[in-house]
């Protein structure tokens, strides 16, 4: 009977070791994720600057097109 229970539920020590390893891997992933988040800036200024630059370029192109049409 005891052998059947052991086979059914597995080796408890192995299960405990597997849980510890899984917890350690989870903590390692969290640490890696935190390091990546620290390195990447979450500032929205670069996106805002890109929008401003694209708007200025669009206005300049529109000015060139209007100037070419008026001069013809």
C-alpha atoms as a PDB file:
ATOM      1  CA  UNK A   1       0.000   0.000   0.000  1.00  0.00           C
ATOM      2  CA  UNK A   2       2.764   2.403   0.897  1.00  0.00           C
ATOM      3  CA  UNK A   3       4.517   1.647  -2.389  1.00  0.00           C
ATOM      4  CA  UNK A   4       1.336   2.458  -4.341  1.00  0.00           C
ATOM      5  CA  UNK A   5       1.012   5.828  -2.571  1.00  0.00           C
ATOM      6  CA  UNK A   6       4.629   6.645  -3.276  1.00  0.00           C
ATOM      7  CA  UNK A   7       4.218   5.778  -6.946  1.00  0.00           C
ATOM      8  CA  UNK A   8       0.941   7.659  -7.159  1.00  0.00           C
ATOM      9  CA  UNK A   9       2.137  10.898  -5.610  1.00  0.00           C
ATOM     10  CA  UNK A  10       5.775  10.674  -6.593  1.00  0.00           C
ATOM     11  CA  UNK A  11       8.789  11.297  -4.420  1.00  0.00           C
ATOM     12  CA  UNK A  12       7.938  14.162  -2.034  1.00  0.00           C
ATOM     13  CA  UNK A  13      11.554  15.313  -1.837  1.00  0.00           C
ATOM     14  CA  UNK A  14      11.761  15.585  -5.619  1.00  0.00           C
ATOM     15  CA  UNK A  15       8.524  17.563  -5.638  1.00  0.00           C
ATOM     16  CA  UNK A  16       9.894  19.942  -3.008  1.00  0.00           C
ATOM     17  CA  UNK A  17      13.136  20.353  -4.965  1.00  0.00           C
ATOM     18  CA  UNK A  18      11.209  20.995  -8.178  1.00  0.00           C
ATOM     19  CA  UNK A  19       9.088  23.645  -6.455  1.00  0.00           C
ATOM     20  CA  UNK A  20      12.211  25.335  -5.083  1.00  0.00           C
ATOM     21  CA  UNK A  21      13.816  25.342  -8.539  1.00  0.00           C
ATOM     22  CA  UNK A  22      10.661  26.741 -10.108  1.00  0.00           C
ATOM     23  CA  UNK A  23      10.519  29.505  -7.499  1.00  0.00           C
ATOM     24  CA  UNK A  24      14.202  30.349  -8.059  1.00  0.00           C
ATOM     25  CA  UNK A  25      13.646  30.519 -11.836  1.00  0.00           C
ATOM     26  CA  UNK A  26      10.627  32.772 -11.316  1.00  0.00           C
ATOM     27  CA  UNK A  27      12.655  35.123  -9.113  1.00  0.00           C
ATOM     28  CA  UNK A  28      15.474  35.177 -11.661  1.00  0.00           C
ATOM     29  CA  UNK A  29      13.022  36.134 -14.427  1.00  0.00           C
ATOM     30  CA  UNK A  30      11.634  38.920 -12.246  1.00  0.00           C
ATOM     31  CA  UNK A  31      15.137  40.251 -11.608  1.00  0.00           C
ATOM     32  CA  UNK A  32      15.943  40.134 -15.339  1.00  0.00           C
ATOM     33  CA  UNK A  33      12.698  41.920 -16.128  1.00  0.00           C
ATOM     34  CA  UNK A  34      13.452  44.625 -13.551  1.00  0.00           C
ATOM     35  CA  UNK A  35      16.929  45.159 -15.007  1.00  0.00           C
ATOM     36  CA  UNK A  36      15.514  45.524 -18.527  1.00  0.00           C
ATOM     37  CA  UNK A  37      12.912  48.003 -17.303  1.00  0.00           C
ATOM     38  CA  UNK A  38      15.618  50.065 -15.600  1.00  0.00           C
ATOM     39  CA  UNK A  39      17.717  50.221 -18.767  1.00  0.00           C
ATOM     40  CA  UNK A  40      14.949  51.234 -21.152  1.00  0.00           C
ATOM     41  CA  UNK A  41      13.755  54.794 -20.691  1.00  0.00           C
ATOM     42  CA  UNK A  42      10.013  55.171 -20.389  1.00  0.00           C
ATOM     43  CA  UNK A  43      10.110  58.887 -21.127  1.00  0.00           C
ATOM     44  CA  UNK A  44       7.608  60.102 -23.715  1.00  0.00           C
ATOM     45  CA  UNK A  45       9.792  63.012 -24.887  1.00  0.00           C
ATOM     46  CA  UNK A  46      11.431  61.168 -27.799  1.00  0.00           C
ATOM     47  CA  UNK A  47       8.031  60.286 -29.281  1.00  0.00           C
ATOM     48  CA  UNK A  48       6.828  63.858 -28.801  1.00  0.00           C
ATOM     49  CA  UNK A  49       9.959  65.171 -30.510  1.00  0.00           C
ATOM     50  CA  UNK A  50       9.449  62.805 -33.445  1.00  0.00           C
ATOM     51  CA  UNK A  51       5.910  64.092 -33.903  1.00  0.00           C
ATOM     52  CA  UNK A  52       7.138  67.700 -33.825  1.00  0.00           C
ATOM     53  CA  UNK A  53       9.895  66.993 -36.356  1.00  0.00           C
ATOM     54  CA  UNK A  54       7.492  65.200 -38.698  1.00  0.00           C
ATOM     55  CA  UNK A  55       5.041  68.109 -38.465  1.00  0.00           C
ATOM     56  CA  UNK A  56       7.785  70.607 -39.321  1.00  0.00           C
ATOM     57  CA  UNK A  57       8.939  68.493 -42.282  1.00  0.00           C
ATOM     58  CA  UNK A  58       5.350  68.211 -43.537  1.00  0.00           C
ATOM     59  CA  UNK A  59       4.898  71.985 -43.355  1.00  0.00           C
ATOM     60  CA  UNK A  60       8.182  72.541 -45.222  1.00  0.00           C
ATOM     61  CA  UNK A  61       7.208  70.104 -47.983  1.00  0.00           C
ATOM     62  CA  UNK A  62       3.790  71.738 -48.258  1.00  0.00           C
ATOM     63  CA  UNK A  63       5.488  75.133 -48.559  1.00  0.00           C
ATOM     64  CA  UNK A  64       7.755  73.892 -51.345  1.00  0.00           C
ATOM     65  CA  UNK A  65       4.792  72.381 -53.218  1.00  0.00           C
ATOM     66  CA  UNK A  66       2.721  75.576 -52.857  1.00  0.00           C
ATOM     67  CA  UNK A  67       5.701  77.671 -53.941  1.00  0.00           C
ATOM     68  CA  UNK A  68       6.202  75.532 -57.024  1.00  0.00           C
ATOM     69  CA  UNK A  69       2.522  75.725 -57.968  1.00  0.00           C
ATOM     70  CA  UNK A  70       2.356  79.514 -57.486  1.00  0.00           C
ATOM     71  CA  UNK A  71       5.517  80.159 -59.501  1.00  0.00           C
ATOM     72  CA  UNK A  72       4.245  78.206 -62.513  1.00  0.00           C
END
